[in-house]
Amino acid sequence: MRCPALADLPAPPPGKTGWPWTEESAPLPPLTPDGQPWPRITVVTPSFNQGDFVEATIRSILLQGYPDLEYFVLDGGSKDGSVETIRRYAPWITDWVSEPDGGQSSAINRGLGRGSGLHATWINSDDMLCPDALVTQASRFGFHPDTVYVGQCVYIDAAARVITTHCGRVHSLEDLVRIPSVWRAAGHQGHIVQPEVLFPRQLALDVGGLDPANHRTMDYELWGKFFMAGAKVQYTAIPFGMFRVHAAQKTHDGWKQTQSLLDTATRLVARATSVTEETRRTILEDLRVYEAVCWARSGRLARLGLPRPLVTRLRQWRTAVETRMARTRKPIA
C-alpha cells in the first residue's frame, strides 16, 4: 500500500491542527533512485480503549508518505468508540480486527506474524510516529536486514504538547542490563523508548517475538533478545516516534514497572553468554541493591520498614477497594 495523502483521509475533528491533522509527510517517489521498489515496512498498532488517542495514532502512520507500507490494527475488543474510529480509516489499513485477545504482546506478535515487511515496528494506540519518520529513514540510512535502527523519541503530553526529546545510549546487552548506571542513569538516562525503534521483522520472529506473559517490559526484553542474537544497533538521530505521557498508562505504576524491569534484566543476565561470570555477579548485585533502594522509595509503608509481603497485601487490598468504589460511584447530577 502506498500511503494516502492528507486529502484522501477523513477530515480531522474540529479544532485539530498540525501533525497529524492538517500536516502530512513529504512523500517519497514510487521507486528508489536506482529504480528499485522501496522495501516494505510493517507497522502494527495494538489497541484497547484508547479512543481519545487512537485516531491520531492511525493518522500519524498513514500520513508517512512511504510507498510500500502495510499497517495492521489489532484491537482487543474496545468499548469506548475506538472501533468506530478504526472503521473510518479501514480503507487505508491493510487489515484490522476487534476481538478479545491475549493482551498487548500477543496482539503485536500476531501483527508481526501476518506481516511481510523487511523492517517493522509497533506504535501503541496512544503514541505516534513523527512526521517524515519513514521517509527520512529511507533517504538517509535505508534498511539493512541485519540492523536495528534507533532514532529519537519525542515525549508529548495528553494534548500532544512536546515535553522533551530523548536519545538512547544502549549499545550492548551489558549496557541494557546495567539499569542504575546506563538504562536509568541519573541525569542522562540511556533507555531505549519503544516508538523510536525500527527492527528487522524476521529477526523479531526468529527470536520468538514478544513474551505474551510480559505485560510491562516486553519491549525491553525484545531488545535483549536482539543483542543476544547478534543484531547490529545503529543510532540515527532521526526524530522517529512520539511517546505520550498521560495518567491512564500502565507505566505510571512506578514500583510495578521497576519490578518488571529488574525481573526481566535478571533473566537476561542469567541467559547471557557474552559476559564473564565475574561481570554477571557484579551486574546481579547492582540490580539487587537498586531494587532495595527503589522499594524503600516506593511508598510510605515501605519507608517505614514494614515487611514486604505485608505491604504488598495492603496495597493489593487498597487497589481492590478503589476499583470497587470506582465501579459503583454514581455521577453527580
C-alpha atoms as a PDB file:
ATOM      1  CA  MET A   1       0.000   0.000   0.000  1.00  0.00           C
ATOM      2  CA  ARG A   2       1.208   3.461  -0.844  1.00  0.00           C
ATOM      3  CA  CYS A   3       0.463   5.851   2.000  1.00  0.00           C
ATOM      4  CA  PRO A   4      -2.576   8.040   1.351  1.00  0.00           C
ATOM      5  CA  ALA A   5      -2.365  11.802   1.058  1.00  0.00           C
ATOM      6  CA  LEU A   6      -3.888  14.139   3.621  1.00  0.00           C
ATOM      7  CA  ALA A   7      -6.769  14.947   1.268  1.00  0.00           C
ATOM      8  CA  ASP A   8      -7.664  11.238   0.997  1.00  0.00           C
ATOM      9  CA  LEU A   9      -8.353  10.780   4.701  1.00  0.00           C
ATOM     10  CA  PRO A  10     -11.425  11.783   6.731  1.00  0.00           C
ATOM     11  CA  ALA A  11     -11.442  15.411   7.824  1.00  0.00           C
ATOM     12  CA  PRO A  12      -9.916  15.970  11.272  1.00  0.00           C
ATOM     13  CA  PRO A  13     -12.164  16.754  14.249  1.00  0.00           C
ATOM     14  CA  PRO A  14     -12.984  20.449  14.722  1.00  0.00           C
ATOM     15  CA  GLY A  15     -10.121  22.408  16.232  1.00  0.00           C
ATOM     16  CA  LYS A  16      -7.445  19.775  15.493  1.00  0.00           C
ATOM     17  CA  THR A  17      -4.487  21.241  13.607  1.00  0.00           C
ATOM     18  CA  GLY A  18      -0.834  20.417  12.996  1.00  0.00           C
ATOM     19  CA  TRP A  19       0.589  16.904  12.847  1.00  0.00           C
ATOM     20  CA  PRO A  20      -1.149  14.558  12.050  1.00  0.00           C
ATOM     21  CA  TRP A  21      -4.373  16.507  11.471  1.00  0.00           C
ATOM     22  CA  THR A  22      -3.605  19.188   8.901  1.00  0.00           C
ATOM     23  CA  GLU A  23       0.006  18.278   8.060  1.00  0.00           C
ATOM     24  CA  GLU A  24       1.499  15.300   6.191  1.00  0.00           C
ATOM     25  CA  SER A  25       4.957  13.903   5.441  1.00  0.00           C
ATOM     26  CA  ALA A  26       6.682  14.791   2.175  1.00  0.00           C
ATOM     27  CA  PRO A  27       6.133  11.657   0.021  1.00  0.00           C
ATOM     28  CA  LEU A  28       8.918   9.587  -1.466  1.00  0.00           C
ATOM     29  CA  PRO A  29       8.872   8.857  -5.217  1.00  0.00           C
ATOM     30  CA  PRO A  30       7.439   5.441  -6.166  1.00  0.00           C
ATOM     31  CA  LEU A  31      10.900   3.909  -6.785  1.00  0.00           C
ATOM     32  CA  THR A  32      14.355   4.237  -5.240  1.00  0.00           C
ATOM     33  CA  PRO A  33      16.979   6.366  -7.057  1.00  0.00           C
ATOM     34  CA  ASP A  34      18.267   3.205  -8.793  1.00  0.00           C
ATOM     35  CA  GLY A  35      14.794   2.275  -9.988  1.00  0.00           C
ATOM     36  CA  GLN A  36      14.018  -0.453  -7.432  1.00  0.00           C
ATOM     37  CA  PRO A  37      10.894  -0.811  -5.278  1.00  0.00           C
ATOM     38  CA  TRP A  38      11.230   0.520  -1.753  1.00  0.00           C
ATOM     39  CA  PRO A  39      11.408  -2.223   0.909  1.00  0.00           C
ATOM     40  CA  ARG A  40       8.074  -2.966   2.520  1.00  0.00           C
ATOM     41  CA  ILE A  41       7.626  -1.703   6.087  1.00  0.00           C
ATOM     42  CA  THR A  42       5.201  -3.296   8.551  1.00  0.00           C
ATOM     43  CA  VAL A  43       3.580  -1.265  11.340  1.00  0.00           C
ATOM     44  CA  VAL A  44       1.344  -2.826  13.998  1.00  0.00           C
ATOM     45  CA  THR A  45      -0.919  -0.951  16.405  1.00  0.00           C
ATOM     46  CA  PRO A  46      -2.253  -2.881  19.416  1.00  0.00           C
ATOM     47  CA  SER A  47      -5.293  -1.078  20.759  1.00  0.00           C
ATOM     48  CA  PHE A  48      -7.640  -1.278  23.703  1.00  0.00           C
ATOM     49  CA  ASN A  49      -9.913   1.514  24.914  1.00  0.00           C
ATOM     50  CA  GLN A  50      -7.701   4.396  23.781  1.00  0.00           C
ATOM     51  CA  GLY A  51     -10.476   6.265  21.995  1.00  0.00           C
ATOM     52  CA  ASP A  52      -9.033   9.647  22.969  1.00  0.00           C
ATOM     53  CA  PHE A  53      -5.800   8.989  21.094  1.00  0.00           C
ATOM     54  CA  VAL A  54      -6.172   6.190  18.536  1.00  0.00           C
ATOM     55  CA  GLU A  55      -7.196   8.445  15.648  1.00  0.00           C
ATOM     56  CA  ALA A  56      -4.010  10.485  15.983  1.00  0.00           C
ATOM     57  CA  THR A  57      -2.011   7.253  16.088  1.00  0.00           C
ATOM     58  CA  ILE A  58      -3.600   5.936  12.900  1.00  0.00           C
ATOM     59  CA  ARG A  59      -3.193   9.200  11.011  1.00  0.00           C
ATOM     60  CA  SER A  60       0.475   9.537  12.058  1.00  0.00           C
ATOM     61  CA  ILE A  61       1.175   6.169  10.422  1.00  0.00           C
ATOM     62  CA  LEU A  62      -0.948   6.576   7.310  1.00  0.00           C
ATOM     63  CA  LEU A  63       0.493  10.036   6.573  1.00  0.00           C
ATOM     64  CA  GLN A  64       4.114   8.859   6.402  1.00  0.00           C
ATOM     65  CA  GLY A  65       4.328   9.305   2.618  1.00  0.00           C
ATOM     66  CA  TYR A  66       6.028   5.920   2.258  1.00  0.00           C
ATOM     67  CA  PRO A  67       5.477   3.960  -0.989  1.00  0.00           C
ATOM     68  CA  ASP A  68       5.111   0.453   0.472  1.00  0.00           C
ATOM     69  CA  LEU A  69       3.585   0.355   3.942  1.00  0.00           C
ATOM     70  CA  GLU A  70       1.437  -2.388   5.435  1.00  0.00           C
ATOM     71  CA  TYR A  71      -0.497  -1.498   8.552  1.00  0.00           C
ATOM     72  CA  PHE A  72      -2.304  -3.805  10.977  1.00  0.00           C
ATOM     73  CA  VAL A  73      -4.554  -2.612  13.799  1.00  0.00           C
ATOM     74  CA  LEU A  74      -5.258  -5.280  16.435  1.00  0.00           C
ATOM     75  CA  ASP A  75      -7.934  -4.058  18.818  1.00  0.00           C
ATOM     76  CA  GLY A  76      -8.696  -6.106  21.919  1.00  0.00           C
ATOM     77  CA  GLY A  77     -12.446  -5.501  21.870  1.00  0.00           C
ATOM     78  CA  SER A  78     -12.664  -1.827  22.835  1.00  0.00           C
ATOM     79  CA  LYS A  79     -15.996  -0.427  24.057  1.00  0.00           C
ATOM     80  CA  ASP A  80     -15.124   3.277  24.068  1.00  0.00           C
ATOM     81  CA  GLY A  81     -15.616   4.308  20.432  1.00  0.00           C
ATOM     82  CA  SER A  82     -12.203   3.132  19.236  1.00  0.00           C
ATOM     83  CA  VAL A  83     -13.765   0.633  16.823  1.00  0.00           C
ATOM     84  CA  GLU A  84     -15.839   3.322  15.121  1.00  0.00           C
ATOM     85  CA  THR A  85     -12.677   5.382  14.639  1.00  0.00           C
ATOM     86  CA  ILE A  86     -10.727   2.428  13.250  1.00  0.00           C
ATOM     87  CA  ARG A  87     -13.584   1.604  10.867  1.00  0.00           C
ATOM     88  CA  ARG A  88     -13.468   5.122   9.344  1.00  0.00           C
ATOM     89  CA  TYR A  89      -9.846   4.517   8.347  1.00  0.00           C
ATOM     90  CA  ALA A  90     -10.325   0.897   7.277  1.00  0.00           C
ATOM     91  CA  PRO A  91      -9.908   1.629   3.519  1.00  0.00           C
ATOM     92  CA  TRP A  92      -6.258   2.559   4.143  1.00  0.00           C
ATOM     93  CA  ILE A  93      -5.466  -0.129   6.765  1.00  0.00           C
ATOM     94  CA  THR A  94      -4.105  -3.450   5.484  1.00  0.00           C
ATOM     95  CA  ASP A  95      -6.228  -5.364   7.969  1.00  0.00           C
ATOM     96  CA  TRP A  96      -7.817  -4.847  11.368  1.00  0.00           C
ATOM     97  CA  VAL A  97      -9.815  -6.771  13.915  1.00  0.00           C
ATOM     98  CA  SER A  98     -11.560  -6.022  17.183  1.00  0.00           C
ATOM     99  CA  GLU A  99     -11.946  -9.016  19.465  1.00  0.00           C
ATOM    100  CA  PRO A 100     -10.694 -10.234  22.846  1.00  0.00           C
ATOM    101  CA  ASP A 101      -7.050 -11.265  22.668  1.00  0.00           C
ATOM    102  CA  GLY A 102      -4.237 -12.395  24.902  1.00  0.00           C
ATOM    103  CA  GLY A 103      -3.027  -8.887  25.643  1.00  0.00           C
ATOM    104  CA  GLN A 104      -0.706  -6.357  24.072  1.00  0.00           C
ATOM    105  CA  SER A 105       2.240  -8.674  23.416  1.00  0.00           C
ATOM    106  CA  SER A 106       0.053 -11.327  21.806  1.00  0.00           C
ATOM    107  CA  ALA A 107      -1.563  -8.733  19.549  1.00  0.00           C
ATOM    108  CA  ILE A 108       1.800  -7.394  18.411  1.00  0.00           C
ATOM    109  CA  ASN A 109       3.114 -10.900  17.729  1.00  0.00           C
ATOM    110  CA  ARG A 110       0.028 -11.603  15.668  1.00  0.00           C
ATOM    111  CA  GLY A 111       0.553  -8.496  13.570  1.00  0.00           C
ATOM    112  CA  LEU A 112       4.256  -9.158  13.015  1.00  0.00           C
ATOM    113  CA  GLY A 113       3.477 -12.732  12.008  1.00  0.00           C
ATOM    114  CA  ARG A 114       0.887 -11.650   9.473  1.00  0.00           C
ATOM    115  CA  GLY A 115       3.180  -9.004   8.002  1.00  0.00           C
ATOM    116  CA  SER A 116       5.626  -9.272   5.127  1.00  0.00           C
ATOM    117  CA  GLY A 117       7.799  -6.189   5.617  1.00  0.00           C
ATOM    118  CA  LEU A 118      11.591  -6.175   5.715  1.00  0.00           C
ATOM    119  CA  HIS A 119      11.529  -3.955   8.808  1.00  0.00           C
ATOM    120  CA  ALA A 120       8.770  -3.392  11.318  1.00  0.00           C
ATOM    121  CA  THR A 121       7.712  -1.570  14.445  1.00  0.00           C
ATOM    122  CA  TRP A 122       4.653  -1.263  16.621  1.00  0.00           C
ATOM    123  CA  ILE A 123       3.066   2.004  17.656  1.00  0.00           C
ATOM    124  CA  ASN A 124       0.716   1.787  20.612  1.00  0.00           C
ATOM    125  CA  SER A 125      -2.684   3.419  20.296  1.00  0.00           C
ATOM    126  CA  ASP A 126      -1.695   6.391  22.462  1.00  0.00           C
ATOM    127  CA  ASP A 127       1.633   7.034  20.696  1.00  0.00           C
ATOM    128  CA  MET A 128       2.548   8.310  17.222  1.00  0.00           C
ATOM    129  CA  LEU A 129       5.180   8.266  14.518  1.00  0.00           C
ATOM    130  CA  CYS A 130       6.908  11.599  13.922  1.00  0.00           C
ATOM    131  CA  PRO A 131       6.305  13.392  10.623  1.00  0.00           C
ATOM    132  CA  ASP A 132       8.695  12.205   7.883  1.00  0.00           C
ATOM    133  CA  ALA A 133       9.985   9.372  10.098  1.00  0.00           C
ATOM    134  CA  LEU A 134       9.973   6.638   7.433  1.00  0.00           C
ATOM    135  CA  VAL A 135      10.853   8.991   4.576  1.00  0.00           C
ATOM    136  CA  THR A 136      13.922  10.289   6.425  1.00  0.00           C
ATOM    137  CA  GLN A 137      14.980   6.781   7.455  1.00  0.00           C
ATOM    138  CA  ALA A 138      14.705   5.550   3.867  1.00  0.00           C
ATOM    139  CA  SER A 139      16.527   8.558   2.397  1.00  0.00           C
ATOM    140  CA  ARG A 140      19.412   8.771   4.868  1.00  0.00           C
ATOM    141  CA  PHE A 141      20.044   5.223   6.058  1.00  0.00           C
ATOM    142  CA  GLY A 142      17.959   2.758   4.077  1.00  0.00           C
ATOM    143  CA  PHE A 143      17.015  -0.594   5.579  1.00  0.00           C
ATOM    144  CA  HIS A 144      19.749  -3.187   6.139  1.00  0.00           C
ATOM    145  CA  PRO A 145      18.275  -6.580   7.005  1.00  0.00           C
ATOM    146  CA  ASP A 146      20.598  -7.183   9.968  1.00  0.00           C
ATOM    147  CA  THR A 147      20.281  -3.752  11.595  1.00  0.00           C
ATOM    148  CA  VAL A 148      18.038  -2.436  14.358  1.00  0.00           C
ATOM    149  CA  TYR A 149      17.620   1.317  13.918  1.00  0.00           C
ATOM    150  CA  VAL A 150      17.088   3.574  16.926  1.00  0.00           C
ATOM    151  CA  GLY A 151      16.024   7.178  16.342  1.00  0.00           C
ATOM    152  CA  GLN A 152      14.961   9.848  18.771  1.00  0.00           C
ATOM    153  CA  CYS A 153      11.751   9.801  20.785  1.00  0.00           C
ATOM    154  CA  VAL A 154       9.688  12.929  21.361  1.00  0.00           C
ATOM    155  CA  TYR A 155       7.812  12.835  24.660  1.00  0.00           C
ATOM    156  CA  ILE A 156       4.406  14.538  24.438  1.00  0.00           C
ATOM    157  CA  ASP A 157       1.598  15.122  26.920  1.00  0.00           C
ATOM    158  CA  ALA A 158      -2.070  14.172  26.599  1.00  0.00           C
ATOM    159  CA  ALA A 159      -2.684  17.255  24.430  1.00  0.00           C
ATOM    160  CA  ALA A 160       0.304  16.395  22.169  1.00  0.00           C
ATOM    161  CA  ARG A 161       2.439  19.241  23.502  1.00  0.00           C
ATOM    162  CA  VAL A 162       6.158  18.461  23.364  1.00  0.00           C
ATOM    163  CA  ILE A 163       7.753  17.763  26.739  1.00  0.00           C
ATOM    164  CA  THR A 164      11.275  16.722  25.744  1.00  0.00           C
ATOM    165  CA  THR A 165      13.260  14.738  23.195  1.00  0.00           C
ATOM    166  CA  HIS A 166      15.212  11.639  24.183  1.00  0.00           C
ATOM    167  CA  CYS A 167      18.018   9.647  22.595  1.00  0.00           C
ATOM    168  CA  GLY A 168      19.136   6.289  23.995  1.00  0.00           C
ATOM    169  CA  ARG A 169      22.707   5.143  24.545  1.00  0.00           C
ATOM    170  CA  VAL A 170      22.472   1.369  24.860  1.00  0.00           C
ATOM    171  CA  HIS A 171      24.977  -0.338  22.569  1.00  0.00           C
ATOM    172  CA  SER A 172      25.257  -3.842  24.007  1.00  0.00           C
ATOM    173  CA  LEU A 173      23.493  -6.369  26.193  1.00  0.00           C
ATOM    174  CA  GLU A 174      25.703  -5.314  29.081  1.00  0.00           C
ATOM    175  CA  ASP A 175      24.563  -1.695  28.661  1.00  0.00           C
ATOM    176  CA  LEU A 176      20.968  -2.867  28.548  1.00  0.00           C
ATOM    177  CA  VAL A 177      21.056  -4.730  31.862  1.00  0.00           C
ATOM    178  CA  ARG A 178      23.023  -2.104  33.754  1.00  0.00           C
ATOM    179  CA  ILE A 179      19.836  -0.462  34.994  1.00  0.00           C
ATOM    180  CA  PRO A 180      21.196   2.033  37.559  1.00  0.00           C
ATOM    181  CA  SER A 181      24.292   3.124  35.619  1.00  0.00           C
ATOM    182  CA  VAL A 182      23.015   3.182  31.998  1.00  0.00           C
ATOM    183  CA  TRP A 183      19.312   2.485  31.476  1.00  0.00           C
ATOM    184  CA  ARG A 184      18.170   4.782  34.319  1.00  0.00           C
ATOM    185  CA  ALA A 185      21.374   6.685  34.925  1.00  0.00           C
ATOM    186  CA  ALA A 186      20.779   9.935  36.818  1.00  0.00           C
ATOM    187  CA  GLY A 187      20.981  12.981  34.567  1.00  0.00           C
ATOM    188  CA  HIS A 188      21.387  11.049  31.314  1.00  0.00           C
ATOM    189  CA  GLN A 189      19.105   8.055  31.138  1.00  0.00           C
ATOM    190  CA  GLY A 190      20.188   5.736  28.363  1.00  0.00           C
ATOM    191  CA  HIS A 191      16.967   3.769  27.960  1.00  0.00           C
ATOM    192  CA  ILE A 192      15.527   2.952  24.548  1.00  0.00           C
ATOM    193  CA  VAL A 193      11.946   4.142  24.084  1.00  0.00           C
ATOM    194  CA  GLN A 194       9.869   1.668  22.087  1.00  0.00           C
ATOM    195  CA  PRO A 195       8.355   4.032  19.438  1.00  0.00           C
ATOM    196  CA  GLU A 196      11.829   5.151  18.327  1.00  0.00           C
ATOM    197  CA  VAL A 197      12.866   1.642  17.182  1.00  0.00           C
ATOM    198  CA  LEU A 198      12.622   0.085  13.698  1.00  0.00           C
ATOM    199  CA  PHE A 199      13.764  -3.543  13.599  1.00  0.00           C
ATOM    200  CA  PRO A 200      14.075  -6.414  11.096  1.00  0.00           C
ATOM    201  CA  ARG A 201      10.698  -8.154  11.212  1.00  0.00           C
ATOM    202  CA  GLN A 202      12.131 -11.623  10.579  1.00  0.00           C
ATOM    203  CA  LEU A 203      14.664 -11.143  13.370  1.00  0.00           C
ATOM    204  CA  ALA A 204      11.808 -10.466  15.788  1.00  0.00           C
ATOM    205  CA  LEU A 205      10.105 -13.673  14.685  1.00  0.00           C
ATOM    206  CA  ASP A 206      13.355 -15.663  14.835  1.00  0.00           C
ATOM    207  CA  VAL A 207      13.984 -14.709  18.487  1.00  0.00           C
ATOM    208  CA  GLY A 208      10.434 -15.697  19.446  1.00  0.00           C
ATOM    209  CA  GLY A 209       8.792 -12.269  19.345  1.00  0.00           C
ATOM    210  CA  LEU A 210       7.397 -10.691  22.483  1.00  0.00           C
ATOM    211  CA  ASP A 211       6.739 -12.713  25.623  1.00  0.00           C
ATOM    212  CA  PRO A 212       2.921 -12.825  25.997  1.00  0.00           C
ATOM    213  CA  ALA A 213       3.349 -13.175  29.768  1.00  0.00           C
ATOM    214  CA  ASN A 214       5.361  -9.949  29.982  1.00  0.00           C
ATOM    215  CA  HIS A 215       2.853  -7.100  30.080  1.00  0.00           C
ATOM    216  CA  ARG A 216       5.124  -4.235  31.178  1.00  0.00           C
ATOM    217  CA  THR A 217       8.658  -4.612  29.825  1.00  0.00           C
ATOM    218  CA  MET A 218       8.099  -6.744  26.743  1.00  0.00           C
ATOM    219  CA  ASP A 219       9.963  -4.244  24.556  1.00  0.00           C
ATOM    220  CA  TYR A 220      12.983  -4.198  26.884  1.00  0.00           C
ATOM    221  CA  GLU A 221      13.064  -7.993  26.789  1.00  0.00           C
ATOM    222  CA  LEU A 222      12.924  -7.958  22.985  1.00  0.00           C
ATOM    223  CA  TRP A 223      15.923  -5.609  22.784  1.00  0.00           C
ATOM    224  CA  GLY A 224      17.795  -8.120  24.948  1.00  0.00           C
ATOM    225  CA  LYS A 225      16.885 -10.939  22.573  1.00  0.00           C
ATOM    226  CA  PHE A 226      18.127  -8.846  19.659  1.00  0.00           C
ATOM    227  CA  PHE A 227      21.501  -8.288  21.337  1.00  0.00           C
ATOM    228  CA  MET A 228      21.839 -11.975  22.197  1.00  0.00           C
ATOM    229  CA  ALA A 229      21.088 -12.831  18.564  1.00  0.00           C
ATOM    230  CA  GLY A 230      23.998 -10.628  17.450  1.00  0.00           C
ATOM    231  CA  ALA A 231      21.961  -7.828  15.872  1.00  0.00           C
ATOM    232  CA  LYS A 232      23.689  -4.604  14.916  1.00  0.00           C
ATOM    233  CA  VAL A 233      22.195  -1.474  16.504  1.00  0.00           C
ATOM    234  CA  GLN A 234      22.533   1.868  14.720  1.00  0.00           C
ATOM    235  CA  TYR A 235      21.520   5.207  16.217  1.00  0.00           C
ATOM    236  CA  THR A 236      20.201   7.603  13.576  1.00  0.00           C
ATOM    237  CA  ALA A 237      19.310  10.813  15.486  1.00  0.00           C
ATOM    238  CA  ILE A 238      16.102  10.920  13.403  1.00  0.00           C
ATOM    239  CA  PRO A 239      13.011  12.119  15.303  1.00  0.00           C
ATOM    240  CA  PHE A 240      11.116   8.873  14.828  1.00  0.00           C
ATOM    241  CA  GLY A 241       8.495   8.135  17.485  1.00  0.00           C
ATOM    242  CA  MET A 242       6.296  10.063  19.891  1.00  0.00           C
ATOM    243  CA  PHE A 243       5.617   8.663  23.368  1.00  0.00           C
ATOM    244  CA  ARG A 244       2.523  10.116  25.014  1.00  0.00           C
ATOM    245  CA  VAL A 245       2.640  10.668  28.767  1.00  0.00           C
ATOM    246  CA  HIS A 246      -0.822  10.546  30.365  1.00  0.00           C
ATOM    247  CA  ALA A 247      -2.451   9.440  33.589  1.00  0.00           C
ATOM    248  CA  ALA A 248      -4.056   6.223  32.326  1.00  0.00           C
ATOM    249  CA  GLN A 249      -0.945   4.474  31.008  1.00  0.00           C
ATOM    250  CA  LYS A 250       0.288   1.410  32.877  1.00  0.00           C
ATOM    251  CA  THR A 251       3.882   2.702  33.143  1.00  0.00           C
ATOM    252  CA  HIS A 252       2.605   5.207  35.725  1.00  0.00           C
ATOM    253  CA  ASP A 253       2.748   2.474  38.393  1.00  0.00           C
ATOM    254  CA  GLY A 254       6.402   3.115  39.169  1.00  0.00           C
ATOM    255  CA  TRP A 255       7.111   0.199  41.504  1.00  0.00           C
ATOM    256  CA  LYS A 256       5.443  -2.446  39.333  1.00  0.00           C
ATOM    257  CA  GLN A 257       7.256  -1.108  36.280  1.00  0.00           C
ATOM    258  CA  THR A 258      10.584  -1.188  38.112  1.00  0.00           C
ATOM    259  CA  GLN A 259       9.953  -4.688  39.435  1.00  0.00           C
ATOM    260  CA  SER A 260       9.162  -5.967  35.937  1.00  0.00           C
ATOM    261  CA  LEU A 261      12.250  -4.238  34.538  1.00  0.00           C
ATOM    262  CA  LEU A 262      14.545  -5.762  37.149  1.00  0.00           C
ATOM    263  CA  ASP A 263      12.990  -9.233  36.815  1.00  0.00           C
ATOM    264  CA  THR A 264      13.465  -9.096  33.041  1.00  0.00           C
ATOM    265  CA  ALA A 265      17.038  -7.845  33.351  1.00  0.00           C
ATOM    266  CA  THR A 266      17.829 -10.666  35.786  1.00  0.00           C
ATOM    267  CA  ARG A 267      16.508 -13.256  33.343  1.00  0.00           C
ATOM    268  CA  LEU A 268      18.545 -11.765  30.510  1.00  0.00           C
ATOM    269  CA  VAL A 269      21.720 -11.742  32.600  1.00  0.00           C
ATOM    270  CA  ALA A 270      21.180 -15.377  33.533  1.00  0.00           C
ATOM    271  CA  ARG A 271      20.918 -16.348  29.854  1.00  0.00           C
ATOM    272  CA  ALA A 272      23.720 -14.153  28.539  1.00  0.00           C
ATOM    273  CA  THR A 273      26.794 -15.927  27.159  1.00  0.00           C
ATOM    274  CA  SER A 274      28.628 -12.729  26.219  1.00  0.00           C
ATOM    275  CA  VAL A 275      29.553 -11.733  29.795  1.00  0.00           C
ATOM    276  CA  THR A 276      32.050 -13.298  32.158  1.00  0.00           C
ATOM    277  CA  GLU A 277      30.949 -14.895  35.410  1.00  0.00           C
ATOM    278  CA  GLU A 278      32.553 -12.079  37.373  1.00  0.00           C
ATOM    279  CA  THR A 279      30.660  -9.466  35.332  1.00  0.00           C
ATOM    280  CA  ARG A 280      27.453 -11.453  35.753  1.00  0.00           C
ATOM    281  CA  ARG A 281      27.843 -11.469  39.557  1.00  0.00           C
ATOM    282  CA  THR A 282      28.576  -7.733  39.589  1.00  0.00           C
ATOM    283  CA  ILE A 283      25.527  -6.891  37.495  1.00  0.00           C
ATOM    284  CA  LEU A 284      23.214  -9.082  39.570  1.00  0.00           C
ATOM    285  CA  GLU A 285      24.458  -7.476  42.781  1.00  0.00           C
ATOM    286  CA  ASP A 286      23.906  -3.996  41.289  1.00  0.00           C
ATOM    287  CA  LEU A 287      20.354  -4.999  40.376  1.00  0.00           C
ATOM    288  CA  ARG A 288      19.723  -6.354  43.879  1.00  0.00           C
ATOM    289  CA  VAL A 289      20.937  -3.145  45.523  1.00  0.00           C
ATOM    290  CA  TYR A 290      18.938  -0.996  43.095  1.00  0.00           C
ATOM    291  CA  GLU A 291      15.789  -2.994  43.803  1.00  0.00           C
ATOM    292  CA  ALA A 292      16.190  -2.436  47.536  1.00  0.00           C
ATOM    293  CA  VAL A 293      16.617   1.310  47.013  1.00  0.00           C
ATOM    294  CA  CYS A 294      13.574   1.519  44.718  1.00  0.00           C
ATOM    295  CA  TRP A 295      11.440  -0.493  47.141  1.00  0.00           C
ATOM    296  CA  ALA A 296      12.331   1.815  50.006  1.00  0.00           C
ATOM    297  CA  ARG A 297      11.184   4.760  47.877  1.00  0.00           C
ATOM    298  CA  SER A 298       8.001   3.091  46.635  1.00  0.00           C
ATOM    299  CA  GLY A 299       5.665   4.393  49.323  1.00  0.00           C
ATOM    300  CA  ARG A 300       5.115   5.364  52.938  1.00  0.00           C
ATOM    301  CA  LEU A 301       4.653   1.811  54.239  1.00  0.00           C
ATOM    302  CA  ALA A 302       7.857   0.647  52.574  1.00  0.00           C
ATOM    303  CA  ARG A 303       9.742   3.615  54.016  1.00  0.00           C
ATOM    304  CA  LEU A 304       8.507   2.633  57.485  1.00  0.00           C
ATOM    305  CA  GLY A 305      10.280  -0.690  57.064  1.00  0.00           C
ATOM    306  CA  LEU A 306       7.226  -2.951  57.202  1.00  0.00           C
ATOM    307  CA  PRO A 307       7.759  -6.455  55.766  1.00  0.00           C
ATOM    308  CA  ARG A 308       7.403  -6.529  52.001  1.00  0.00           C
ATOM    309  CA  PRO A 309       4.721  -9.296  51.909  1.00  0.00           C
ATOM    310  CA  LEU A 310       2.556  -7.256  54.301  1.00  0.00           C
ATOM    311  CA  VAL A 311       2.972  -4.040  52.315  1.00  0.00           C
ATOM    312  CA  THR A 312       2.182  -5.873  49.095  1.00  0.00           C
ATOM    313  CA  ARG A 313      -1.024  -7.345  50.544  1.00  0.00           C
ATOM    314  CA  LEU A 314      -2.112  -3.947  51.882  1.00  0.00           C
ATOM    315  CA  ARG A 315      -1.510  -2.337  48.513  1.00  0.00           C
ATOM    316  CA  GLN A 316      -3.475  -5.063  46.749  1.00  0.00           C
ATOM    317  CA  TRP A 317      -6.335  -4.580  49.200  1.00  0.00           C
ATOM    318  CA  ARG A 318      -6.326  -0.812  48.671  1.00  0.00           C
ATOM    319  CA  THR A 319      -6.329  -1.234  44.885  1.00  0.00           C
ATOM    320  CA  ALA A 320      -9.242  -3.664  45.076  1.00  0.00           C
ATOM    321  CA  VAL A 321     -11.227  -1.268  47.264  1.00  0.00           C
ATOM    322  CA  GLU A 322     -10.539   1.700  44.989  1.00  0.00           C
ATOM    323  CA  THR A 323     -11.545  -0.348  41.958  1.00  0.00           C
ATOM    324  CA  ARG A 324     -14.839  -1.378  43.537  1.00  0.00           C
ATOM    325  CA  MET A 325     -15.566   2.192  44.581  1.00  0.00           C
ATOM    326  CA  ALA A 326     -14.853   3.484  41.075  1.00  0.00           C
ATOM    327  CA  ARG A 327     -17.234   0.928  39.572  1.00  0.00           C
ATOM    328  CA  THR A 328     -20.087   1.739  41.958  1.00  0.00           C
ATOM    329  CA  ARG A 329     -19.628   5.519  42.146  1.00  0.00           C
ATOM    330  CA  LYS A 330     -22.611   7.339  40.645  1.00  0.00           C
ATOM    331  CA  PRO A 331     -22.179  10.552  38.679  1.00  0.00           C
ATOM    332  CA  ILE A 332     -23.315  13.729  40.399  1.00  0.00           C
ATOM    333  CA  ALA A 333     -26.459  15.111  38.787  1.00  0.00           C
END
